[in-house]
Amino acid sequence: MDGKLNNEKVTCCFCGKSVLICEAIIINVSLNINSKESQTLFAHKKHLMNVLYKKNILYIDNDKEDD
């Protein structure tokens, strides 16, 4: 990455506040497995972690508390 996107801000789909794209969780949503369309959403990591079922195993760095 050339650094141009690092300072771009996107909107968290949970709280509506800004988050730097380089710090955002990227969520790709498709209607189902056969869907040809998808939508990309962005979120603060802590918001996604708060709404997921706690027994889901995520292979992301969730030790660091990001906003």
C-alpha atoms as a PDB file:
ATOM      1  CA  MET A   1       0.000   0.000   0.000  1.00  0.00           C
ATOM      2  CA  ASP A   2       1.340   3.427  -0.841  1.00  0.00           C
ATOM      3  CA  GLY A   3       0.031   5.063   2.360  1.00  0.00           C
ATOM      4  CA  LYS A   4      -2.682   7.124   0.676  1.00  0.00           C
ATOM      5  CA  LEU A   5      -5.506   5.058   2.198  1.00  0.00           C
ATOM      6  CA  ASN A   6      -4.021   4.940   5.695  1.00  0.00           C
ATOM      7  CA  ASN A   7      -5.575   8.276   6.671  1.00  0.00           C
ATOM      8  CA  GLU A   8      -8.916   7.673   4.959  1.00  0.00           C
ATOM      9  CA  LYS A   9     -11.842   7.446   7.361  1.00  0.00           C
ATOM     10  CA  VAL A  10     -14.819   5.137   7.020  1.00  0.00           C
ATOM     11  CA  THR A  11     -17.990   4.844   9.083  1.00  0.00           C
ATOM     12  CA  CYS A  12     -18.461   2.114  11.683  1.00  0.00           C
ATOM     13  CA  CYS A  13     -21.641   0.176  10.848  1.00  0.00           C
ATOM     14  CA  PHE A  14     -22.404  -0.276  14.562  1.00  0.00           C
ATOM     15  CA  CYS A  15     -21.950   3.198  16.056  1.00  0.00           C
ATOM     16  CA  GLY A  16     -21.867   5.533  13.051  1.00  0.00           C
ATOM     17  CA  LYS A  17     -18.592   7.146  14.126  1.00  0.00           C
ATOM     18  CA  SER A  18     -15.449   7.457  12.030  1.00  0.00           C
ATOM     19  CA  VAL A  19     -12.643   4.911  12.079  1.00  0.00           C
ATOM     20  CA  LEU A  20      -9.414   4.946  10.103  1.00  0.00           C
ATOM     21  CA  ILE A  21      -9.614   2.415   7.296  1.00  0.00           C
ATOM     22  CA  CYS A  22      -6.258   0.947   8.320  1.00  0.00           C
ATOM     23  CA  GLU A  23      -7.714   0.205  11.798  1.00  0.00           C
ATOM     24  CA  ALA A  24     -11.202  -0.896  10.749  1.00  0.00           C
ATOM     25  CA  ILE A  25     -12.542  -4.425  10.699  1.00  0.00           C
ATOM     26  CA  ILE A  26     -13.779  -5.118   7.163  1.00  0.00           C
ATOM     27  CA  ILE A  27     -17.013  -7.093   6.943  1.00  0.00           C
ATOM     28  CA  ASN A  28     -18.095  -8.502   3.574  1.00  0.00           C
ATOM     29  CA  VAL A  29     -21.782  -9.423   3.485  1.00  0.00           C
ATOM     30  CA  SER A  30     -23.462 -11.649   0.894  1.00  0.00           C
ATOM     31  CA  LEU A  31     -27.112 -12.684   0.900  1.00  0.00           C
ATOM     32  CA  ASN A  32     -26.125 -16.339   0.546  1.00  0.00           C
ATOM     33  CA  ILE A  33     -23.423 -18.550  -0.942  1.00  0.00           C
ATOM     34  CA  ASN A  34     -24.885 -18.231  -4.449  1.00  0.00           C
ATOM     35  CA  SER A  35     -25.281 -14.459  -4.351  1.00  0.00           C
ATOM     36  CA  LYS A  36     -23.423 -12.497  -7.004  1.00  0.00           C
ATOM     37  CA  GLU A  37     -23.687  -9.281  -5.023  1.00  0.00           C
ATOM     38  CA  SER A  38     -21.992  -8.309  -1.794  1.00  0.00           C
ATOM     39  CA  GLN A  39     -21.577  -5.258   0.368  1.00  0.00           C
ATOM     40  CA  THR A  40     -18.563  -4.166   2.379  1.00  0.00           C
ATOM     41  CA  LEU A  41     -19.084  -2.701   5.836  1.00  0.00           C
ATOM     42  CA  PHE A  42     -16.534  -1.322   8.285  1.00  0.00           C
ATOM     43  CA  ALA A  43     -16.457  -1.476  12.068  1.00  0.00           C
ATOM     44  CA  HIS A  44     -14.439  -0.741  15.153  1.00  0.00           C
ATOM     45  CA  LYS A  45     -12.951  -4.044  16.333  1.00  0.00           C
ATOM     46  CA  LYS A  46     -14.471  -3.745  19.818  1.00  0.00           C
ATOM     47  CA  HIS A  47     -17.981  -3.360  18.382  1.00  0.00           C
ATOM     48  CA  LEU A  48     -17.727  -6.527  16.308  1.00  0.00           C
ATOM     49  CA  MET A  49     -16.284  -8.447  19.248  1.00  0.00           C
ATOM     50  CA  ASN A  50     -19.171  -7.278  21.464  1.00  0.00           C
ATOM     51  CA  VAL A  51     -21.911  -8.551  19.154  1.00  0.00           C
ATOM     52  CA  LEU A  52     -20.471 -11.926  18.160  1.00  0.00           C
ATOM     53  CA  TYR A  53     -21.461 -15.071  20.013  1.00  0.00           C
ATOM     54  CA  LYS A  54     -18.678 -15.590  22.542  1.00  0.00           C
ATOM     55  CA  LYS A  55     -17.940 -19.196  21.502  1.00  0.00           C
ATOM     56  CA  ASN A  56     -17.010 -18.140  17.959  1.00  0.00           C
ATOM     57  CA  ILE A  57     -13.312 -18.627  17.430  1.00  0.00           C
ATOM     58  CA  LEU A  58     -11.809 -15.663  15.618  1.00  0.00           C
ATOM     59  CA  TYR A  59      -8.349 -15.852  14.173  1.00  0.00           C
ATOM     60  CA  ILE A  60      -7.712 -12.152  14.493  1.00  0.00           C
ATOM     61  CA  ASP A  61      -5.652 -10.228  17.019  1.00  0.00           C
ATOM     62  CA  ASN A  62      -8.287  -9.507  19.646  1.00  0.00           C
ATOM     63  CA  ASP A  63      -5.882  -8.905  22.527  1.00  0.00           C
ATOM     64  CA  LYS A  64      -5.298  -5.296  21.546  1.00  0.00           C
ATOM     65  CA  GLU A  65      -8.200  -3.009  22.416  1.00  0.00           C
ATOM     66  CA  ASP A  66      -8.764  -0.817  19.375  1.00  0.00           C
ATOM     67  CA  ASP A  67     -11.371   1.921  18.939  1.00  0.00           C
END
